[in-house]
Amino acid sequence: VIQECYVQNTAREYAKIYAAEAEPLEGFGEVPEIIPIFLVHRPANNIPYATVEEELVGEFVKYSVRDGKEVNFLRRDSEAGQKCCTFQHWVYEKTNGSLLVTDLQGVGMKLTDVGIATLAKGYKGFKGNCSISFIEQFRALHQCNKYCEMLGLKSLRTTHQKQRKATSIKSKNLPNSSTLKKTVPKKAREPRDFISSEH
């Protein structure tokens, strides 16, 4: 429960900085807000800790989901969805690809129950992390929109393509497969490695 609060409130702090950069830009408009979540200690109760947050009334929409394959498809048509996508891109760039805010969902521009994925376990105190493949999927699938352009964010697609080219060039220079030792790949991490706040 403490980690759940830390995740959402950390994402909220990033969202405040994002808002401070985005709001003054002409034509940007309203910026998504991650609502605060509070930890309540109830020592006399069977479940001594609980979280409390503002109730969001209206149509609840998931702008991003854990599965990287769906990261853009559910939200590219709405203004809130595009601004959430830009927020993810902005956080990714600000943290040099080390952190990604995930599970952006809520009512209109008010978001809750978010998650954070990190490349390294323990990054900034987060206990869990997602597999590197998820962040790679985000980088490969993210489609910049006009809000990304307004903030001057660099295209992730170009970076991803350059890295793939470099990898394919290196692989051409590898020795003949008969001279290589066979290795068993490590098992990929399951999606449950994400930090997510689920109620």
C-alpha atoms as a PDB file:
ATOM      1  CA  VAL A   1       0.000   0.000   0.000  1.00  0.00           C
ATOM      2  CA  ILE A   2       2.893   2.350   0.796  1.00  0.00           C
ATOM      3  CA  GLN A   3       4.462   1.529  -2.594  1.00  0.00           C
ATOM      4  CA  GLU A   4       1.099   2.163  -4.310  1.00  0.00           C
ATOM      5  CA  CYS A   5       1.000   5.655  -2.803  1.00  0.00           C
ATOM      6  CA  TYR A   6       4.653   6.258  -3.710  1.00  0.00           C
ATOM      7  CA  VAL A   7       4.034   5.241  -7.330  1.00  0.00           C
ATOM      8  CA  GLN A   8       0.974   7.433  -7.848  1.00  0.00           C
ATOM      9  CA  ASN A   9       2.322  10.446  -5.968  1.00  0.00           C
ATOM     10  CA  THR A  10       5.691  10.254  -7.776  1.00  0.00           C
ATOM     11  CA  ALA A  11       3.876  10.124 -11.115  1.00  0.00           C
ATOM     12  CA  ARG A  12       1.814  13.097  -9.881  1.00  0.00           C
ATOM     13  CA  GLU A  13       5.000  15.100  -9.241  1.00  0.00           C
ATOM     14  CA  TYR A  14       6.206  14.363 -12.782  1.00  0.00           C
ATOM     15  CA  ALA A  15       2.763  15.431 -14.058  1.00  0.00           C
ATOM     16  CA  LYS A  16       3.052  18.772 -12.216  1.00  0.00           C
ATOM     17  CA  ILE A  17       6.421  19.518 -13.862  1.00  0.00           C
ATOM     18  CA  TYR A  18       4.983  18.442 -17.239  1.00  0.00           C
ATOM     19  CA  ALA A  19       2.017  20.811 -16.685  1.00  0.00           C
ATOM     20  CA  ALA A  20       4.352  23.696 -15.805  1.00  0.00           C
ATOM     21  CA  GLU A  21       6.162  23.221 -19.150  1.00  0.00           C
ATOM     22  CA  ALA A  22       3.057  22.540 -21.254  1.00  0.00           C
ATOM     23  CA  GLU A  23       0.427  24.996 -19.965  1.00  0.00           C
ATOM     24  CA  PRO A  24       2.239  28.201 -21.073  1.00  0.00           C
ATOM     25  CA  LEU A  25       2.506  26.888 -24.660  1.00  0.00           C
ATOM     26  CA  GLU A  26       0.047  28.531 -27.023  1.00  0.00           C
ATOM     27  CA  GLY A  27      -2.680  26.094 -28.052  1.00  0.00           C
ATOM     28  CA  PHE A  28      -1.686  23.302 -25.654  1.00  0.00           C
ATOM     29  CA  GLY A  29      -4.704  23.768 -23.389  1.00  0.00           C
ATOM     30  CA  GLU A  30      -5.627  21.618 -20.392  1.00  0.00           C
ATOM     31  CA  VAL A  31      -3.019  19.172 -19.107  1.00  0.00           C
ATOM     32  CA  PRO A  32      -3.727  15.738 -17.572  1.00  0.00           C
ATOM     33  CA  GLU A  33      -3.574  15.676 -13.775  1.00  0.00           C
ATOM     34  CA  ILE A  34      -2.785  12.620 -11.666  1.00  0.00           C
ATOM     35  CA  ILE A  35      -4.882  12.907  -8.524  1.00  0.00           C
ATOM     36  CA  PRO A  36      -3.180  12.449  -5.141  1.00  0.00           C
ATOM     37  CA  ILE A  37      -3.587   9.256  -3.126  1.00  0.00           C
ATOM     38  CA  PHE A  38      -3.301   9.231   0.659  1.00  0.00           C
ATOM     39  CA  LEU A  39      -2.274   6.489   3.053  1.00  0.00           C
ATOM     40  CA  VAL A  40      -4.560   6.047   6.065  1.00  0.00           C
ATOM     41  CA  HIS A  41      -3.487   4.084   9.147  1.00  0.00           C
ATOM     42  CA  ARG A  42      -6.335   2.400  11.033  1.00  0.00           C
ATOM     43  CA  PRO A  43      -4.641   0.438  13.859  1.00  0.00           C
ATOM     44  CA  ALA A  44      -7.916  -0.904  15.321  1.00  0.00           C
ATOM     45  CA  ASN A  45      -9.042  -2.356  11.969  1.00  0.00           C
ATOM     46  CA  ASN A  46      -8.339  -5.879  10.642  1.00  0.00           C
ATOM     47  CA  ILE A  47      -6.755  -4.215   7.608  1.00  0.00           C
ATOM     48  CA  PRO A  48      -4.681  -1.460   9.260  1.00  0.00           C
ATOM     49  CA  TYR A  49      -3.751   0.465   6.106  1.00  0.00           C
ATOM     50  CA  ALA A  50      -5.951   1.852   3.362  1.00  0.00           C
ATOM     51  CA  THR A  51      -5.721   4.421   0.597  1.00  0.00           C
ATOM     52  CA  VAL A  52      -8.042   7.351   0.057  1.00  0.00           C
ATOM     53  CA  GLU A  53      -8.398   9.427  -3.090  1.00  0.00           C
ATOM     54  CA  GLU A  54     -10.895  11.698  -4.822  1.00  0.00           C
ATOM     55  CA  GLU A  55     -13.837   9.913  -6.436  1.00  0.00           C
ATOM     56  CA  LEU A  56     -13.865  10.415 -10.190  1.00  0.00           C
ATOM     57  CA  VAL A  57     -17.373  10.660 -11.637  1.00  0.00           C
ATOM     58  CA  GLY A  58     -17.985  10.085 -15.336  1.00  0.00           C
ATOM     59  CA  GLU A  59     -16.833   7.740 -18.080  1.00  0.00           C
ATOM     60  CA  PHE A  60     -13.673   5.925 -16.964  1.00  0.00           C
ATOM     61  CA  VAL A  61     -11.242   5.524 -19.869  1.00  0.00           C
ATOM     62  CA  LYS A  62      -7.951   3.598 -20.075  1.00  0.00           C
ATOM     63  CA  TYR A  63      -5.549   5.713 -22.130  1.00  0.00           C
ATOM     64  CA  SER A  64      -2.713   3.233 -21.852  1.00  0.00           C
ATOM     65  CA  VAL A  65      -2.490  -0.370 -20.784  1.00  0.00           C
ATOM     66  CA  ARG A  66       0.346  -2.648 -19.691  1.00  0.00           C
ATOM     67  CA  ASP A  67       0.555  -4.537 -22.946  1.00  0.00           C
ATOM     68  CA  GLY A  68       2.959  -2.520 -25.068  1.00  0.00           C
ATOM     69  CA  LYS A  69       1.190  -3.714 -28.225  1.00  0.00           C
ATOM     70  CA  GLU A  70      -1.871  -1.703 -27.225  1.00  0.00           C
ATOM     71  CA  VAL A  71       0.007   1.313 -25.944  1.00  0.00           C
ATOM     72  CA  ASN A  72      -1.221   3.696 -28.680  1.00  0.00           C
ATOM     73  CA  PHE A  73      -4.317   2.136 -30.156  1.00  0.00           C
ATOM     74  CA  LEU A  74      -6.834   2.880 -27.414  1.00  0.00           C
ATOM     75  CA  ARG A  75      -6.092   6.565 -27.072  1.00  0.00           C
ATOM     76  CA  ARG A  76      -4.804   8.189 -30.221  1.00  0.00           C
ATOM     77  CA  ASP A  77      -8.135   9.780 -31.180  1.00  0.00           C
ATOM     78  CA  SER A  78      -8.943  11.769 -28.026  1.00  0.00           C
ATOM     79  CA  GLU A  79      -7.261  14.947 -26.809  1.00  0.00           C
ATOM     80  CA  ALA A  80      -6.796  13.463 -23.326  1.00  0.00           C
ATOM     81  CA  GLY A  81      -5.333  10.299 -24.853  1.00  0.00           C
ATOM     82  CA  GLN A  82      -2.849  12.219 -26.999  1.00  0.00           C
ATOM     83  CA  LYS A  83      -1.782  14.358 -24.038  1.00  0.00           C
ATOM     84  CA  CYS A  84      -1.300  11.222 -21.899  1.00  0.00           C
ATOM     85  CA  CYS A  85       0.828   9.746 -24.687  1.00  0.00           C
ATOM     86  CA  THR A  86       2.879  12.950 -24.773  1.00  0.00           C
ATOM     87  CA  PHE A  87       3.230  12.816 -20.978  1.00  0.00           C
ATOM     88  CA  GLN A  88       4.669   9.297 -21.231  1.00  0.00           C
ATOM     89  CA  HIS A  89       7.101  10.467 -23.934  1.00  0.00           C
ATOM     90  CA  TRP A  90       8.070  13.499 -21.832  1.00  0.00           C
ATOM     91  CA  VAL A  91       8.780  11.386 -18.697  1.00  0.00           C
ATOM     92  CA  TYR A  92      10.707   8.839 -20.793  1.00  0.00           C
ATOM     93  CA  GLU A  93      12.888  11.634 -22.228  1.00  0.00           C
ATOM     94  CA  LYS A  94      13.360  13.430 -18.872  1.00  0.00           C
ATOM     95  CA  THR A  95      14.582  10.202 -17.223  1.00  0.00           C
ATOM     96  CA  ASN A  96      16.768   9.184 -20.201  1.00  0.00           C
ATOM     97  CA  GLY A  97      14.575   6.135 -20.819  1.00  0.00           C
ATOM     98  CA  SER A  98      14.919   4.838 -17.247  1.00  0.00           C
ATOM     99  CA  LEU A  99      11.300   5.357 -16.181  1.00  0.00           C
ATOM    100  CA  LEU A 100       7.910   5.161 -17.883  1.00  0.00           C
ATOM    101  CA  VAL A 101       4.532   6.062 -16.385  1.00  0.00           C
ATOM    102  CA  THR A 102       2.079   3.294 -17.318  1.00  0.00           C
ATOM    103  CA  ASP A 103      -1.608   2.457 -16.895  1.00  0.00           C
ATOM    104  CA  LEU A 104      -2.801   6.015 -17.492  1.00  0.00           C
ATOM    105  CA  GLN A 105      -6.541   5.942 -16.874  1.00  0.00           C
ATOM    106  CA  GLY A 106      -9.276   8.083 -15.452  1.00  0.00           C
ATOM    107  CA  VAL A 107     -12.101  10.480 -16.251  1.00  0.00           C
ATOM    108  CA  GLY A 108     -11.293  13.211 -18.743  1.00  0.00           C
ATOM    109  CA  MET A 109      -8.008  14.829 -17.737  1.00  0.00           C
ATOM    110  CA  LYS A 110      -8.058  13.437 -14.158  1.00  0.00           C
ATOM    111  CA  LEU A 111      -6.020  10.249 -13.875  1.00  0.00           C
ATOM    112  CA  THR A 112      -5.675   7.610 -11.158  1.00  0.00           C
ATOM    113  CA  ASP A 113      -4.391   4.098 -10.483  1.00  0.00           C
ATOM    114  CA  VAL A 114      -1.254   4.651 -12.541  1.00  0.00           C
ATOM    115  CA  GLY A 115       1.831   2.465 -12.616  1.00  0.00           C
ATOM    116  CA  ILE A 116       5.530   3.047 -13.099  1.00  0.00           C
ATOM    117  CA  ALA A 117       7.868   0.841 -15.091  1.00  0.00           C
ATOM    118  CA  THR A 118      11.637   1.077 -14.669  1.00  0.00           C
ATOM    119  CA  LEU A 119      14.594  -0.349 -16.532  1.00  0.00           C
ATOM    120  CA  ALA A 120      16.451  -1.134 -13.308  1.00  0.00           C
ATOM    121  CA  LYS A 121      14.961  -2.614 -10.153  1.00  0.00           C
ATOM    122  CA  GLY A 122      15.265  -0.143  -7.310  1.00  0.00           C
ATOM    123  CA  TYR A 123      15.512   2.903  -9.619  1.00  0.00           C
ATOM    124  CA  LYS A 124      14.440   5.886  -7.480  1.00  0.00           C
ATOM    125  CA  GLY A 125      13.229   3.489  -4.785  1.00  0.00           C
ATOM    126  CA  PHE A 126      10.724   1.504  -6.872  1.00  0.00           C
ATOM    127  CA  LYS A 127      10.581  -2.136  -5.775  1.00  0.00           C
ATOM    128  CA  GLY A 128       9.394  -3.632  -9.057  1.00  0.00           C
ATOM    129  CA  ASN A 129      10.301  -3.088 -12.643  1.00  0.00           C
ATOM    130  CA  CYS A 130       9.024  -4.079 -16.031  1.00  0.00           C
ATOM    131  CA  SER A 131      11.028  -6.049 -18.510  1.00  0.00           C
ATOM    132  CA  ILE A 132      13.243  -4.004 -20.791  1.00  0.00           C
ATOM    133  CA  SER A 133      11.123  -5.273 -23.701  1.00  0.00           C
ATOM    134  CA  PHE A 134       8.133  -3.205 -22.521  1.00  0.00           C
ATOM    135  CA  ILE A 135      10.061   0.056 -22.622  1.00  0.00           C
ATOM    136  CA  GLU A 136      11.507  -0.996 -25.988  1.00  0.00           C
ATOM    137  CA  GLN A 137       7.958  -1.631 -27.237  1.00  0.00           C
ATOM    138  CA  PHE A 138       6.891   1.819 -26.049  1.00  0.00           C
ATOM    139  CA  ARG A 139       9.825   3.388 -27.870  1.00  0.00           C
ATOM    140  CA  ALA A 140       9.035   1.430 -31.035  1.00  0.00           C
ATOM    141  CA  LEU A 141       5.256   1.972 -31.002  1.00  0.00           C
ATOM    142  CA  HIS A 142       4.976   5.534 -29.699  1.00  0.00           C
ATOM    143  CA  GLN A 143       3.627   7.867 -32.353  1.00  0.00           C
ATOM    144  CA  CYS A 144       4.436  11.507 -31.755  1.00  0.00           C
ATOM    145  CA  ASN A 145       1.515  13.896 -32.015  1.00  0.00           C
ATOM    146  CA  LYS A 146       1.152  17.675 -32.132  1.00  0.00           C
ATOM    147  CA  TYR A 147       1.605  17.928 -28.344  1.00  0.00           C
ATOM    148  CA  CYS A 148       4.955  16.106 -28.522  1.00  0.00           C
ATOM    149  CA  GLU A 149       5.978  18.610 -31.215  1.00  0.00           C
ATOM    150  CA  MET A 150       4.831  21.598 -29.103  1.00  0.00           C
ATOM    151  CA  LEU A 151       7.084  20.414 -26.264  1.00  0.00           C
ATOM    152  CA  GLY A 152       9.997  19.838 -28.661  1.00  0.00           C
ATOM    153  CA  LEU A 153      10.309  16.131 -27.787  1.00  0.00           C
ATOM    154  CA  LYS A 154      12.641  14.050 -29.951  1.00  0.00           C
ATOM    155  CA  SER A 155      11.116  11.316 -32.092  1.00  0.00           C
ATOM    156  CA  LEU A 156      11.578   7.931 -30.448  1.00  0.00           C
ATOM    157  CA  ARG A 157      11.036   6.133 -33.747  1.00  0.00           C
ATOM    158  CA  THR A 158      14.216   7.638 -35.228  1.00  0.00           C
ATOM    159  CA  THR A 159      16.239   6.641 -32.161  1.00  0.00           C
ATOM    160  CA  HIS A 160      14.774   3.120 -32.237  1.00  0.00           C
ATOM    161  CA  GLN A 161      15.503   2.700 -35.970  1.00  0.00           C
ATOM    162  CA  LYS A 162      19.119   3.881 -35.514  1.00  0.00           C
ATOM    163  CA  GLN A 163      19.617   1.363 -32.691  1.00  0.00           C
ATOM    164  CA  ARG A 164      18.089  -1.459 -34.769  1.00  0.00           C
ATOM    165  CA  LYS A 165      20.363  -0.587 -37.728  1.00  0.00           C
ATOM    166  CA  ALA A 166      23.420  -0.616 -35.472  1.00  0.00           C
ATOM    167  CA  THR A 167      22.362  -4.003 -34.076  1.00  0.00           C
ATOM    168  CA  SER A 168      21.817  -5.494 -37.543  1.00  0.00           C
ATOM    169  CA  ILE A 169      25.223  -4.218 -38.726  1.00  0.00           C
ATOM    170  CA  LYS A 170      26.912  -5.761 -35.657  1.00  0.00           C
ATOM    171  CA  SER A 171      25.161  -9.078 -36.208  1.00  0.00           C
ATOM    172  CA  LYS A 172      26.519  -9.260 -39.764  1.00  0.00           C
ATOM    173  CA  ASN A 173      30.052  -9.066 -38.366  1.00  0.00           C
ATOM    174  CA  LEU A 174      29.566 -11.966 -35.951  1.00  0.00           C
ATOM    175  CA  PRO A 175      31.591 -15.146 -36.509  1.00  0.00           C
ATOM    176  CA  ASN A 176      30.051 -18.132 -38.252  1.00  0.00           C
ATOM    177  CA  SER A 177      27.312 -19.771 -36.138  1.00  0.00           C
ATOM    178  CA  SER A 178      29.258 -23.065 -36.049  1.00  0.00           C
ATOM    179  CA  THR A 179      31.968 -21.367 -33.963  1.00  0.00           C
ATOM    180  CA  LEU A 180      29.524 -19.934 -31.415  1.00  0.00           C
ATOM    181  CA  LYS A 181      28.600 -21.726 -28.194  1.00  0.00           C
ATOM    182  CA  LYS A 182      24.907 -22.454 -27.815  1.00  0.00           C
ATOM    183  CA  THR A 183      23.323 -20.643 -24.891  1.00  0.00           C
ATOM    184  CA  VAL A 184      19.904 -20.914 -23.356  1.00  0.00           C
ATOM    185  CA  PRO A 185      18.174 -17.501 -23.167  1.00  0.00           C
ATOM    186  CA  LYS A 186      17.058 -16.315 -19.749  1.00  0.00           C
ATOM    187  CA  LYS A 187      13.326 -16.513 -19.225  1.00  0.00           C
ATOM    188  CA  ALA A 188      11.625 -13.197 -20.017  1.00  0.00           C
ATOM    189  CA  ARG A 189       9.978 -11.461 -17.130  1.00  0.00           C
ATOM    190  CA  GLU A 190       6.229 -11.746 -16.849  1.00  0.00           C
ATOM    191  CA  PRO A 191       3.969  -8.644 -16.986  1.00  0.00           C
ATOM    192  CA  ARG A 192       3.369  -8.993 -13.227  1.00  0.00           C
ATOM    193  CA  ASP A 193       6.810  -7.395 -12.710  1.00  0.00           C
ATOM    194  CA  PHE A 194       5.157  -4.012 -13.233  1.00  0.00           C
ATOM    195  CA  ILE A 195       4.502  -1.732 -10.395  1.00  0.00           C
ATOM    196  CA  SER A 196       0.837  -0.988 -10.590  1.00  0.00           C
ATOM    197  CA  SER A 197      -1.757   0.201  -8.159  1.00  0.00           C
ATOM    198  CA  GLU A 198      -4.728  -2.097  -8.411  1.00  0.00           C
ATOM    199  CA  HIS A 199      -7.762  -1.847  -6.140  1.00  0.00           C
END
